[in-house]
PDB file of N, CA and C in Angstrom:
ATOM      1  N   MET A   1      -7.725 -20.131 -15.296  1.00  0.00           N
ATOM      2  CA  MET A   1      -8.584 -18.958 -15.466  1.00  0.00           C
ATOM      3  C   MET A   1      -8.323 -17.968 -14.310  1.00  0.00           C
ATOM      4  N   CYS A   2      -8.184 -16.673 -14.626  1.00  0.00           N
ATOM      5  CA  CYS A   2      -7.927 -15.717 -13.560  1.00  0.00           C
ATOM      6  C   CYS A   2      -9.098 -15.177 -12.991  1.00  0.00           C
ATOM      7  N   ARG A   3      -9.047 -14.892 -11.669  1.00  0.00           N
ATOM      8  CA  ARG A   3     -10.065 -14.177 -11.022  1.00  0.00           C
ATOM      9  C   ARG A   3     -10.231 -12.775 -11.498  1.00  0.00           C
ATOM     10  N   GLN A   4     -11.202 -11.999 -10.954  1.00  0.00           N
ATOM     11  CA  GLN A   4     -11.263 -10.555 -11.388  1.00  0.00           C
ATOM     12  C   GLN A   4     -10.048  -9.880 -10.847  1.00  0.00           C
ATOM     13  N   LEU A   5      -9.269  -9.160 -11.701  1.00  0.00           N
ATOM     14  CA  LEU A   5      -8.033  -8.549 -11.376  1.00  0.00           C
ATOM     15  C   LEU A   5      -8.247  -7.112 -10.939  1.00  0.00           C
ATOM     16  N   THR A   6      -7.354  -6.651 -10.106  1.00  0.00           N
ATOM     17  CA  THR A   6      -7.358  -5.237  -9.699  1.00  0.00           C
ATOM     18  C   THR A   6      -6.558  -4.563 -10.759  1.00  0.00           C
ATOM     19  N   PHE A   7      -6.647  -3.221 -10.769  1.00  0.00           N
ATOM     20  CA  PHE A   7      -5.939  -2.413 -11.768  1.00  0.00           C
ATOM     21  C   PHE A   7      -4.470  -2.585 -11.556  1.00  0.00           C
ATOM     22  N   ALA A   8      -3.979  -2.669 -10.306  1.00  0.00           N
ATOM     23  CA  ALA A   8      -2.502  -2.885 -10.047  1.00  0.00           C
ATOM     24  C   ALA A   8      -2.026  -4.236 -10.555  1.00  0.00           C
ATOM     25  N   GLN A   9      -2.853  -5.231 -10.388  1.00  0.00           N
ATOM     26  CA  GLN A   9      -2.417  -6.626 -10.928  1.00  0.00           C
ATOM     27  C   GLN A   9      -2.396  -6.568 -12.446  1.00  0.00           C
ATOM     28  N   ILE A  10      -3.246  -5.870 -13.106  1.00  0.00           N
ATOM     29  CA  ILE A  10      -3.261  -5.803 -14.542  1.00  0.00           C
ATOM     30  C   ILE A  10      -1.987  -5.117 -14.968  1.00  0.00           C
ATOM     31  N   LEU A  11      -1.599  -4.012 -14.217  1.00  0.00           N
ATOM     32  CA  LEU A  11      -0.416  -3.269 -14.551  1.00  0.00           C
ATOM     33  C   LEU A  11       0.844  -4.139 -14.427  1.00  0.00           C
ATOM     34  N   ASN A  12       0.819  -5.048 -13.517  1.00  0.00           N
ATOM     35  CA  ASN A  12       1.930  -5.936 -13.343  1.00  0.00           C
ATOM     36  C   ASN A  12       1.896  -7.133 -14.309  1.00  0.00           C
ATOM     37  N   ASN A  13       0.983  -7.055 -15.317  1.00  0.00           N
ATOM     38  CA  ASN A  13       0.873  -8.065 -16.290  1.00  0.00           C
ATOM     39  C   ASN A  13       0.584  -9.462 -15.757  1.00  0.00           C
ATOM     40  N   VAL A  14      -0.309  -9.550 -14.709  1.00  0.00           N
ATOM     41  CA  VAL A  14      -0.726 -10.812 -14.127  1.00  0.00           C
ATOM     42  C   VAL A  14      -1.560 -11.655 -15.105  1.00  0.00           C
ATOM     43  N   CYS A  15      -1.249 -12.919 -15.193  1.00  0.00           N
ATOM     44  CA  CYS A  15      -1.980 -13.789 -16.109  1.00  0.00           C
ATOM     45  C   CYS A  15      -1.808 -13.440 -17.600  1.00  0.00           C
ATOM     46  N   GLY A  16      -0.728 -12.768 -17.872  1.00  0.00           N
ATOM     47  CA  GLY A  16      -0.441 -12.437 -19.257  1.00  0.00           C
ATOM     48  C   GLY A  16      -1.405 -11.488 -19.923  1.00  0.00           C
ATOM     49  N   ILE A  17      -2.060 -10.636 -19.230  1.00  0.00           N
ATOM     50  CA  ILE A  17      -2.968  -9.593 -19.851  1.00  0.00           C
ATOM     51  C   ILE A  17      -2.128  -8.481 -20.391  1.00  0.00           C
ATOM     52  N   PRO A  18      -2.316  -8.149 -21.616  1.00  0.00           N
ATOM     53  CA  PRO A  18      -1.419  -7.066 -22.193  1.00  0.00           C
ATOM     54  C   PRO A  18      -2.026  -5.726 -21.746  1.00  0.00           C
ATOM     55  N   LEU A  19      -1.148  -4.716 -21.828  1.00  0.00           N
ATOM     56  CA  LEU A  19      -1.498  -3.351 -21.395  1.00  0.00           C
ATOM     57  C   LEU A  19      -2.697  -2.768 -22.108  1.00  0.00           C
ATOM     58  N   PHE A  20      -2.925  -3.196 -23.328  1.00  0.00           N
ATOM     59  CA  PHE A  20      -4.030  -2.605 -24.064  1.00  0.00           C
ATOM     60  C   PHE A  20      -5.448  -2.964 -23.505  1.00  0.00           C
ATOM     61  N   GLN A  21      -5.448  -3.859 -22.529  1.00  0.00           N
ATOM     62  CA  GLN A  21      -6.730  -4.253 -21.922  1.00  0.00           C
ATOM     63  C   GLN A  21      -6.958  -3.501 -20.641  1.00  0.00           C
ATOM     64  N   LEU A  22      -6.115  -2.468 -20.401  1.00  0.00           N
ATOM     65  CA  LEU A  22      -6.369  -1.612 -19.179  1.00  0.00           C
ATOM     66  C   LEU A  22      -7.733  -0.856 -19.300  1.00  0.00           C
ATOM     67  N   PRO A  23      -8.341  -0.569 -18.210  1.00  0.00           N
ATOM     68  CA  PRO A  23      -9.553   0.234 -18.329  1.00  0.00           C
ATOM     69  C   PRO A  23      -9.231   1.565 -19.033  1.00  0.00           C
ATOM     70  N   SER A  24     -10.203   2.059 -19.801  1.00  0.00           N
ATOM     71  CA  SER A  24      -9.986   3.339 -20.434  1.00  0.00           C
ATOM     72  C   SER A  24     -10.097   4.501 -19.533  1.00  0.00           C
ATOM     73  N   PRO A  25      -9.164   5.434 -19.511  1.00  0.00           N
ATOM     74  CA  PRO A  25      -9.203   6.501 -18.657  1.00  0.00           C
ATOM     75  C   PRO A  25     -10.307   7.453 -19.026  1.00  0.00           C
ATOM     76  N   CYS A  26     -10.852   8.232 -18.051  1.00  0.00           N
ATOM     77  CA  CYS A  26     -11.872   9.280 -18.359  1.00  0.00           C
ATOM     78  C   CYS A  26     -11.197  10.524 -17.825  1.00  0.00           C
ATOM     79  N   ILE A  27     -11.097  11.560 -18.646  1.00  0.00           N
ATOM     80  CA  ILE A  27     -10.453  12.838 -18.274  1.00  0.00           C
ATOM     81  C   ILE A  27     -11.580  13.784 -17.926  1.00  0.00           C
ATOM     82  N   LYS A  28     -11.494  14.293 -16.651  1.00  0.00           N
ATOM     83  CA  LYS A  28     -12.399  15.295 -16.172  1.00  0.00           C
ATOM     84  C   LYS A  28     -11.618  16.480 -15.713  1.00  0.00           C
ATOM     85  N   GLY A  29     -11.685  17.585 -16.535  1.00  0.00           N
ATOM     86  CA  GLY A  29     -10.921  18.740 -16.221  1.00  0.00           C
ATOM     87  C   GLY A  29      -9.447  18.450 -16.454  1.00  0.00           C
ATOM     88  N   ASP A  30      -8.648  18.661 -15.422  1.00  0.00           N
ATOM     89  CA  ASP A  30      -7.161  18.346 -15.565  1.00  0.00           C
ATOM     90  C   ASP A  30      -6.848  17.069 -14.793  1.00  0.00           C
ATOM     91  N   MET A  31      -7.855  16.186 -14.556  1.00  0.00           N
ATOM     92  CA  MET A  31      -7.574  14.968 -13.819  1.00  0.00           C
ATOM     93  C   MET A  31      -7.928  13.724 -14.659  1.00  0.00           C
ATOM     94  N   ILE A  32      -7.323  12.608 -14.397  1.00  0.00           N
ATOM     95  CA  ILE A  32      -7.550  11.386 -15.106  1.00  0.00           C
ATOM     96  C   ILE A  32      -8.191  10.358 -14.129  1.00  0.00           C
ATOM     97  N   PHE A  33      -9.308   9.761 -14.525  1.00  0.00           N
ATOM     98  CA  PHE A  33     -10.024   8.844 -13.638  1.00  0.00           C
ATOM     99  C   PHE A  33     -10.061   7.493 -14.351  1.00  0.00           C
ATOM    100  N   PHE A  34     -10.143   6.409 -13.530  1.00  0.00           N
ATOM    101  CA  PHE A  34     -10.317   5.080 -14.062  1.00  0.00           C
ATOM    102  C   PHE A  34     -11.568   4.533 -13.269  1.00  0.00           C
ATOM    103  N   GLN A  35     -12.436   3.911 -14.002  1.00  0.00           N
ATOM    104  CA  GLN A  35     -13.586   3.291 -13.338  1.00  0.00           C
ATOM    105  C   GLN A  35     -13.108   1.916 -12.756  1.00  0.00           C
ATOM    106  N   ILE A  36     -13.451   1.659 -11.520  1.00  0.00           N
ATOM    107  CA  ILE A  36     -13.253   0.389 -10.909  1.00  0.00           C
ATOM    108  C   ILE A  36     -14.547  -0.266 -10.385  1.00  0.00           C
ATOM    109  N   ALA A  37     -14.553  -1.546 -10.172  1.00  0.00           N
ATOM    110  CA  ALA A  37     -15.688  -2.246  -9.741  1.00  0.00           C
ATOM    111  C   ALA A  37     -15.935  -1.850  -8.307  1.00  0.00           C
ATOM    112  N   LYS A  38     -17.207  -1.727  -7.969  1.00  0.00           N
ATOM    113  CA  LYS A  38     -17.635  -1.314  -6.566  1.00  0.00           C
ATOM    114  C   LYS A  38     -17.072  -2.293  -5.534  1.00  0.00           C
ATOM    115  N   GLU A  39     -17.013  -3.559  -5.842  1.00  0.00           N
ATOM    116  CA  GLU A  39     -16.517  -4.532  -4.868  1.00  0.00           C
ATOM    117  C   GLU A  39     -14.994  -4.334  -4.639  1.00  0.00           C
ATOM    118  N   VAL A  40     -14.268  -4.000  -5.644  1.00  0.00           N
ATOM    119  CA  VAL A  40     -12.812  -3.730  -5.519  1.00  0.00           C
ATOM    120  C   VAL A  40     -12.623  -2.510  -4.676  1.00  0.00           C
ATOM    121  N   TYR A  41     -13.470  -1.514  -4.995  1.00  0.00           N
ATOM    122  CA  TYR A  41     -13.374  -0.256  -4.186  1.00  0.00           C
ATOM    123  C   TYR A  41     -13.635  -0.486  -2.665  1.00  0.00           C
ATOM    124  N   LEU A  42     -14.720  -1.277  -2.371  1.00  0.00           N
ATOM    125  CA  LEU A  42     -15.110  -1.577  -1.008  1.00  0.00           C
ATOM    126  C   LEU A  42     -13.972  -2.374  -0.232  1.00  0.00           C
ATOM    127  N   VAL A  43     -13.373  -3.261  -0.966  1.00  0.00           N
ATOM    128  CA  VAL A  43     -12.294  -4.066  -0.321  1.00  0.00           C
ATOM    129  C   VAL A  43     -11.092  -3.102   0.015  1.00  0.00           C
ATOM    130  N   GLY A  44     -10.756  -2.249  -0.878  1.00  0.00           N
ATOM    131  CA  GLY A  44      -9.707  -1.271  -0.724  1.00  0.00           C
ATOM    132  C   GLY A  44     -10.041  -0.264   0.443  1.00  0.00           C
ATOM    133  N   LEU A  45     -11.334   0.149   0.500  1.00  0.00           N
ATOM    134  CA  LEU A  45     -11.727   1.041   1.563  1.00  0.00           C
ATOM    135  C   LEU A  45     -11.602   0.305   2.955  1.00  0.00           C
ATOM    136  N   LYS A  46     -12.005  -0.960   2.973  1.00  0.00           N
ATOM    137  CA  LYS A  46     -11.909  -1.673   4.206  1.00  0.00           C
ATOM    138  C   LYS A  46     -10.467  -1.783   4.714  1.00  0.00           C
ATOM    139  N   GLU A  47      -9.610  -2.060   3.725  1.00  0.00           N
ATOM    140  CA  GLU A  47      -8.199  -2.136   3.990  1.00  0.00           C
ATOM    141  C   GLU A  47      -7.567  -0.885   4.546  1.00  0.00           C
ATOM    142  N   CYS A  48      -8.112   0.261   4.105  1.00  0.00           N
ATOM    143  CA  CYS A  48      -7.562   1.624   4.566  1.00  0.00           C
ATOM    144  C   CYS A  48      -7.866   1.752   6.101  1.00  0.00           C
ATOM    145  N   LYS A  49      -8.718   1.040   6.716  1.00  0.00           N
ATOM    146  CA  LYS A  49      -8.976   1.167   8.060  1.00  0.00           C
ATOM    147  C   LYS A  49      -7.916   0.524   8.937  1.00  0.00           C
ATOM    148  N   SER A  50      -7.172  -0.318   8.419  1.00  0.00           N
ATOM    149  CA  SER A  50      -6.136  -1.050   9.163  1.00  0.00           C
ATOM    150  C   SER A  50      -4.782  -0.968   8.603  1.00  0.00           C
ATOM    151  N   HIS A  51      -4.515  -0.299   7.469  1.00  0.00           N
ATOM    152  CA  HIS A  51      -3.250  -0.164   6.828  1.00  0.00           C
ATOM    153  C   HIS A  51      -2.820   1.315   6.769  1.00  0.00           C
ATOM    154  N   LEU A  52      -1.518   1.502   6.950  1.00  0.00           N
ATOM    155  CA  LEU A  52      -0.985   2.873   6.914  1.00  0.00           C
ATOM    156  C   LEU A  52       0.341   2.834   6.125  1.00  0.00           C
ATOM    157  N   HIS A  53       0.484   3.664   5.112  1.00  0.00           N
ATOM    158  CA  HIS A  53       1.692   3.729   4.353  1.00  0.00           C
ATOM    159  C   HIS A  53       2.410   5.030   4.739  1.00  0.00           C
ATOM    160  N   ARG A  54       3.617   4.873   5.152  1.00  0.00           N
ATOM    161  CA  ARG A  54       4.432   6.010   5.489  1.00  0.00           C
ATOM    162  C   ARG A  54       5.942   5.887   5.124  1.00  0.00           C
ATOM    163  N   ARG A  55       6.624   6.988   4.964  1.00  0.00           N
ATOM    164  CA  ARG A  55       7.977   6.994   4.803  1.00  0.00           C
ATOM    165  C   ARG A  55       8.705   7.474   6.006  1.00  0.00           C
ATOM    166  N   ILE A  56       9.777   6.795   6.421  1.00  0.00           N
ATOM    167  CA  ILE A  56      10.544   7.176   7.596  1.00  0.00           C
ATOM    168  C   ILE A  56      11.705   8.110   7.105  1.00  0.00           C
ATOM    169  N   LEU A  57      11.749   9.267   7.510  1.00  0.00           N
ATOM    170  CA  LEU A  57      12.837  10.277   7.138  1.00  0.00           C
ATOM    171  C   LEU A  57      13.657  10.523   8.362  1.00  0.00           C
ATOM    172  N   LEU A  58      14.949  10.441   8.202  1.00  0.00           N
ATOM    173  CA  LEU A  58      15.875  10.759   9.240  1.00  0.00           C
ATOM    174  C   LEU A  58      16.818  11.877   8.840  1.00  0.00           C
ATOM    175  N   THR A  59      17.353  12.559   9.886  1.00  0.00           N
ATOM    176  CA  THR A  59      18.309  13.586   9.449  1.00  0.00           C
ATOM    177  C   THR A  59      19.592  12.993   8.973  1.00  0.00           C
ATOM    178  N   LYS A  60      20.454  13.690   8.350  1.00  0.00           N
ATOM    179  CA  LYS A  60      21.718  13.188   7.741  1.00  0.00           C
ATOM    180  C   LYS A  60      22.667  12.585   8.809  1.00  0.00           C
ATOM    181  N   GLU A  61      22.615  13.196  10.019  1.00  0.00           N
ATOM    182  CA  GLU A  61      23.516  12.715  11.056  1.00  0.00           C
ATOM    183  C   GLU A  61      23.068  11.414  11.710  1.00  0.00           C
ATOM    184  N   ASN A  62      21.849  10.982  11.485  1.00  0.00           N
ATOM    185  CA  ASN A  62      21.291   9.779  11.965  1.00  0.00           C
ATOM    186  C   ASN A  62      21.643   8.594  10.985  1.00  0.00           C
ATOM    187  N   LYS A  63      22.069   7.469  11.506  1.00  0.00           N
ATOM    188  CA  LYS A  63      22.316   6.321  10.711  1.00  0.00           C
ATOM    189  C   LYS A  63      20.967   5.734  10.229  1.00  0.00           C
ATOM    190  N   PRO A  64      20.912   5.100   9.104  1.00  0.00           N
ATOM    191  CA  PRO A  64      19.666   4.474   8.670  1.00  0.00           C
ATOM    192  C   PRO A  64      19.208   3.463   9.639  1.00  0.00           C
ATOM    193  N   LEU A  65      17.949   3.249   9.857  1.00  0.00           N
ATOM    194  CA  LEU A  65      17.355   2.249  10.770  1.00  0.00           C
ATOM    195  C   LEU A  65      17.117   0.972   9.951  1.00  0.00           C
ATOM    196  N   THR A  66      17.427  -0.152  10.587  1.00  0.00           N
ATOM    197  CA  THR A  66      17.051  -1.390   9.949  1.00  0.00           C
ATOM    198  C   THR A  66      15.584  -1.628  10.267  1.00  0.00           C
ATOM    199  N   HIS A  67      15.003  -2.589   9.626  1.00  0.00           N
ATOM    200  CA  HIS A  67      13.541  -2.891   9.892  1.00  0.00           C
ATOM    201  C   HIS A  67      13.391  -3.297  11.329  1.00  0.00           C
ATOM    202  N   LEU A  68      14.297  -4.117  11.861  1.00  0.00           N
ATOM    203  CA  LEU A  68      14.197  -4.550  13.226  1.00  0.00           C
ATOM    204  C   LEU A  68      14.358  -3.466  14.279  1.00  0.00           C
ATOM    205  N   ASP A  69      15.305  -2.497  13.907  1.00  0.00           N
ATOM    206  CA  ASP A  69      15.515  -1.346  14.756  1.00  0.00           C
ATOM    207  C   ASP A  69      14.326  -0.435  14.852  1.00  0.00           C
ATOM    208  N   LEU A  70      13.667  -0.315  13.665  1.00  0.00           N
ATOM    209  CA  LEU A  70      12.457   0.513  13.658  1.00  0.00           C
ATOM    210  C   LEU A  70      11.340  -0.095  14.456  1.00  0.00           C
ATOM    211  N   CYS A  71      11.113  -1.373  14.353  1.00  0.00           N
ATOM    212  CA  CYS A  71      10.099  -2.130  15.015  1.00  0.00           C
ATOM    213  C   CYS A  71      10.343  -2.007  16.498  1.00  0.00           C
ATOM    214  N   ALA A  72      11.610  -2.114  16.938  1.00  0.00           N
ATOM    215  CA  ALA A  72      11.990  -2.014  18.341  1.00  0.00           C
ATOM    216  C   ALA A  72      11.667  -0.706  18.896  1.00  0.00           C
ATOM    217  N   LYS A  73      11.866   0.368  18.195  1.00  0.00           N
ATOM    218  CA  LYS A  73      11.570   1.676  18.634  1.00  0.00           C
ATOM    219  C   LYS A  73      10.021   1.871  18.715  1.00  0.00           C
ATOM    220  N   LEU A  74       9.325   1.398  17.737  1.00  0.00           N
ATOM    221  CA  LEU A  74       7.831   1.631  17.721  1.00  0.00           C
ATOM    222  C   LEU A  74       7.140   0.788  18.761  1.00  0.00           C
ATOM    223  N   VAL A  75       7.664  -0.401  19.158  1.00  0.00           N
ATOM    224  CA  VAL A  75       7.012  -1.209  20.117  1.00  0.00           C
ATOM    225  C   VAL A  75       6.817  -0.413  21.433  1.00  0.00           C
ATOM    226  N   VAL A  76       7.852   0.399  21.763  1.00  0.00           N
ATOM    227  CA  VAL A  76       7.781   1.179  23.000  1.00  0.00           C
ATOM    228  C   VAL A  76       6.642   2.241  22.952  1.00  0.00           C
ATOM    229  N   SER A  77       6.551   2.865  21.777  1.00  0.00           N
ATOM    230  CA  SER A  77       5.465   3.924  21.691  1.00  0.00           C
ATOM    231  C   SER A  77       4.120   3.408  21.416  1.00  0.00           C
ATOM    232  N   TRP A  78       4.016   2.213  20.699  1.00  0.00           N
ATOM    233  CA  TRP A  78       2.750   1.745  20.250  1.00  0.00           C
ATOM    234  C   TRP A  78       2.345   0.527  21.047  1.00  0.00           C
ATOM    235  N   LYS A  79       2.787   0.406  22.308  1.00  0.00           N
ATOM    236  CA  LYS A  79       2.446  -0.736  23.079  1.00  0.00           C
ATOM    237  C   LYS A  79       0.911  -0.852  23.397  1.00  0.00           C
ATOM    238  N   ASN A  80       0.158   0.206  23.364  1.00  0.00           N
ATOM    239  CA  ASN A  80      -1.302   0.138  23.611  1.00  0.00           C
ATOM    240  C   ASN A  80      -2.113  -0.047  22.389  1.00  0.00           C
ATOM    241  N   LEU A  81      -1.478  -0.184  21.220  1.00  0.00           N
ATOM    242  CA  LEU A  81      -2.288  -0.362  20.001  1.00  0.00           C
ATOM    243  C   LEU A  81      -2.630  -1.732  19.660  1.00  0.00           C
ATOM    244  N   GLY A  82      -2.190  -2.636  20.451  1.00  0.00           N
ATOM    245  CA  GLY A  82      -2.466  -4.085  20.112  1.00  0.00           C
ATOM    246  C   GLY A  82      -1.463  -4.560  19.117  1.00  0.00           C
ATOM    247  N   GLN A  83      -1.800  -5.621  18.402  1.00  0.00           N
ATOM    248  CA  GLN A  83      -0.872  -6.223  17.414  1.00  0.00           C
ATOM    249  C   GLN A  83      -0.784  -5.420  16.141  1.00  0.00           C
ATOM    250  N   TRP A  84       0.451  -5.309  15.622  1.00  0.00           N
ATOM    251  CA  TRP A  84       0.685  -4.655  14.424  1.00  0.00           C
ATOM    252  C   TRP A  84       1.943  -5.231  13.758  1.00  0.00           C
ATOM    253  N   LYS A  85       2.141  -4.955  12.530  1.00  0.00           N
ATOM    254  CA  LYS A  85       3.395  -5.352  11.885  1.00  0.00           C
ATOM    255  C   LYS A  85       3.785  -4.295  10.893  1.00  0.00           C
ATOM    256  N   ALA A  86       5.111  -4.163  10.608  1.00  0.00           N
ATOM    257  CA  ALA A  86       5.674  -3.214   9.733  1.00  0.00           C
ATOM    258  C   ALA A  86       6.231  -3.999   8.484  1.00  0.00           C
ATOM    259  N   ILE A  87       5.891  -3.655   7.346  1.00  0.00           N
ATOM    260  CA  ILE A  87       6.415  -4.282   6.135  1.00  0.00           C
ATOM    261  C   ILE A  87       7.256  -3.287   5.364  1.00  0.00           C
ATOM    262  N   PRO A  88       8.554  -3.581   5.254  1.00  0.00           N
ATOM    263  CA  PRO A  88       9.365  -2.631   4.466  1.00  0.00           C
ATOM    264  C   PRO A  88       9.089  -2.659   3.018  1.00  0.00           C
ATOM    265  N   LEU A  89       8.857  -1.522   2.368  1.00  0.00           N
ATOM    266  CA  LEU A  89       8.577  -1.425   0.949  1.00  0.00           C
ATOM    267  C   LEU A  89       9.779  -0.929   0.123  1.00  0.00           C
ATOM    268  N   GLY A  90      10.765  -0.475   0.859  1.00  0.00           N
ATOM    269  CA  GLY A  90      11.999   0.006   0.158  1.00  0.00           C
ATOM    270  C   GLY A  90      12.107   1.488   0.211  1.00  0.00           C
ATOM    271  N   LYS A  91      13.325   2.023   0.171  1.00  0.00           N
ATOM    272  CA  LYS A  91      13.581   3.486   0.098  1.00  0.00           C
ATOM    273  C   LYS A  91      12.921   4.231   1.271  1.00  0.00           C
ATOM    274  N   GLY A  92      12.843   3.568   2.454  1.00  0.00           N
ATOM    275  CA  GLY A  92      12.311   4.243   3.630  1.00  0.00           C
ATOM    276  C   GLY A  92      10.795   4.116   3.759  1.00  0.00           C
ATOM    277  N   PHE A  93      10.099   3.497   2.818  1.00  0.00           N
ATOM    278  CA  PHE A  93       8.696   3.381   2.848  1.00  0.00           C
ATOM    279  C   PHE A  93       8.335   2.138   3.627  1.00  0.00           C
ATOM    280  N   TYR A  94       7.263   2.177   4.423  1.00  0.00           N
ATOM    281  CA  TYR A  94       6.733   1.036   5.152  1.00  0.00           C
ATOM    282  C   TYR A  94       5.226   0.973   4.990  1.00  0.00           C
ATOM    283  N   GLU A  95       4.738  -0.200   5.050  1.00  0.00           N
ATOM    284  CA  GLU A  95       3.266  -0.388   5.255  1.00  0.00           C
ATOM    285  C   GLU A  95       3.106  -0.983   6.671  1.00  0.00           C
ATOM    286  N   PHE A  96       2.271  -0.196   7.431  1.00  0.00           N
ATOM    287  CA  PHE A  96       1.945  -0.686   8.792  1.00  0.00           C
ATOM    288  C   PHE A  96       0.541  -1.280   8.741  1.00  0.00           C
ATOM    289  N   VAL A  97       0.476  -2.527   9.254  1.00  0.00           N
ATOM    290  CA  VAL A  97      -0.742  -3.244   9.297  1.00  0.00           C
ATOM    291  C   VAL A  97      -1.126  -3.428  10.731  1.00  0.00           C
ATOM    292  N   PHE A  98      -2.292  -2.924  11.077  1.00  0.00           N
ATOM    293  CA  PHE A  98      -2.832  -3.024  12.478  1.00  0.00           C
ATOM    294  C   PHE A  98      -3.847  -4.130  12.507  1.00  0.00           C
ATOM    295  N   LEU A  99      -3.634  -5.151  13.263  1.00  0.00           N
ATOM    296  CA  LEU A  99      -4.496  -6.305  13.270  1.00  0.00           C
ATOM    297  C   LEU A  99      -5.616  -6.058  14.274  1.00  0.00           C
ATOM    298  N   LEU A 100      -6.805  -5.930  13.735  1.00  0.00           N
ATOM    299  CA  LEU A 100      -8.016  -5.593  14.586  1.00  0.00           C
ATOM    300  C   LEU A 100      -8.605  -6.829  15.097  1.00  0.00           C
TER     301      LEU A 100
END
């Protein structure tokens, strides 16, 4: 039996749930909204306090940074931030998690 799924997990077809079971969208003006459970919203809101998603862009003359190279450069600048980790998401995108 599956626990309550997030919208992203449903999109990934977790536990074999078909796409027709997605929450129904609500159209307001020119925007589309999906209703989510308050508990899911609060968990995501809490996560926003310690997670940062960014893309690292370099000029064409710079060679691409490896994950280890990026972390080595950031350790120098972010030494006063305490513990953190960088998770590569691909195509230059990273999730930075700051451990509070």
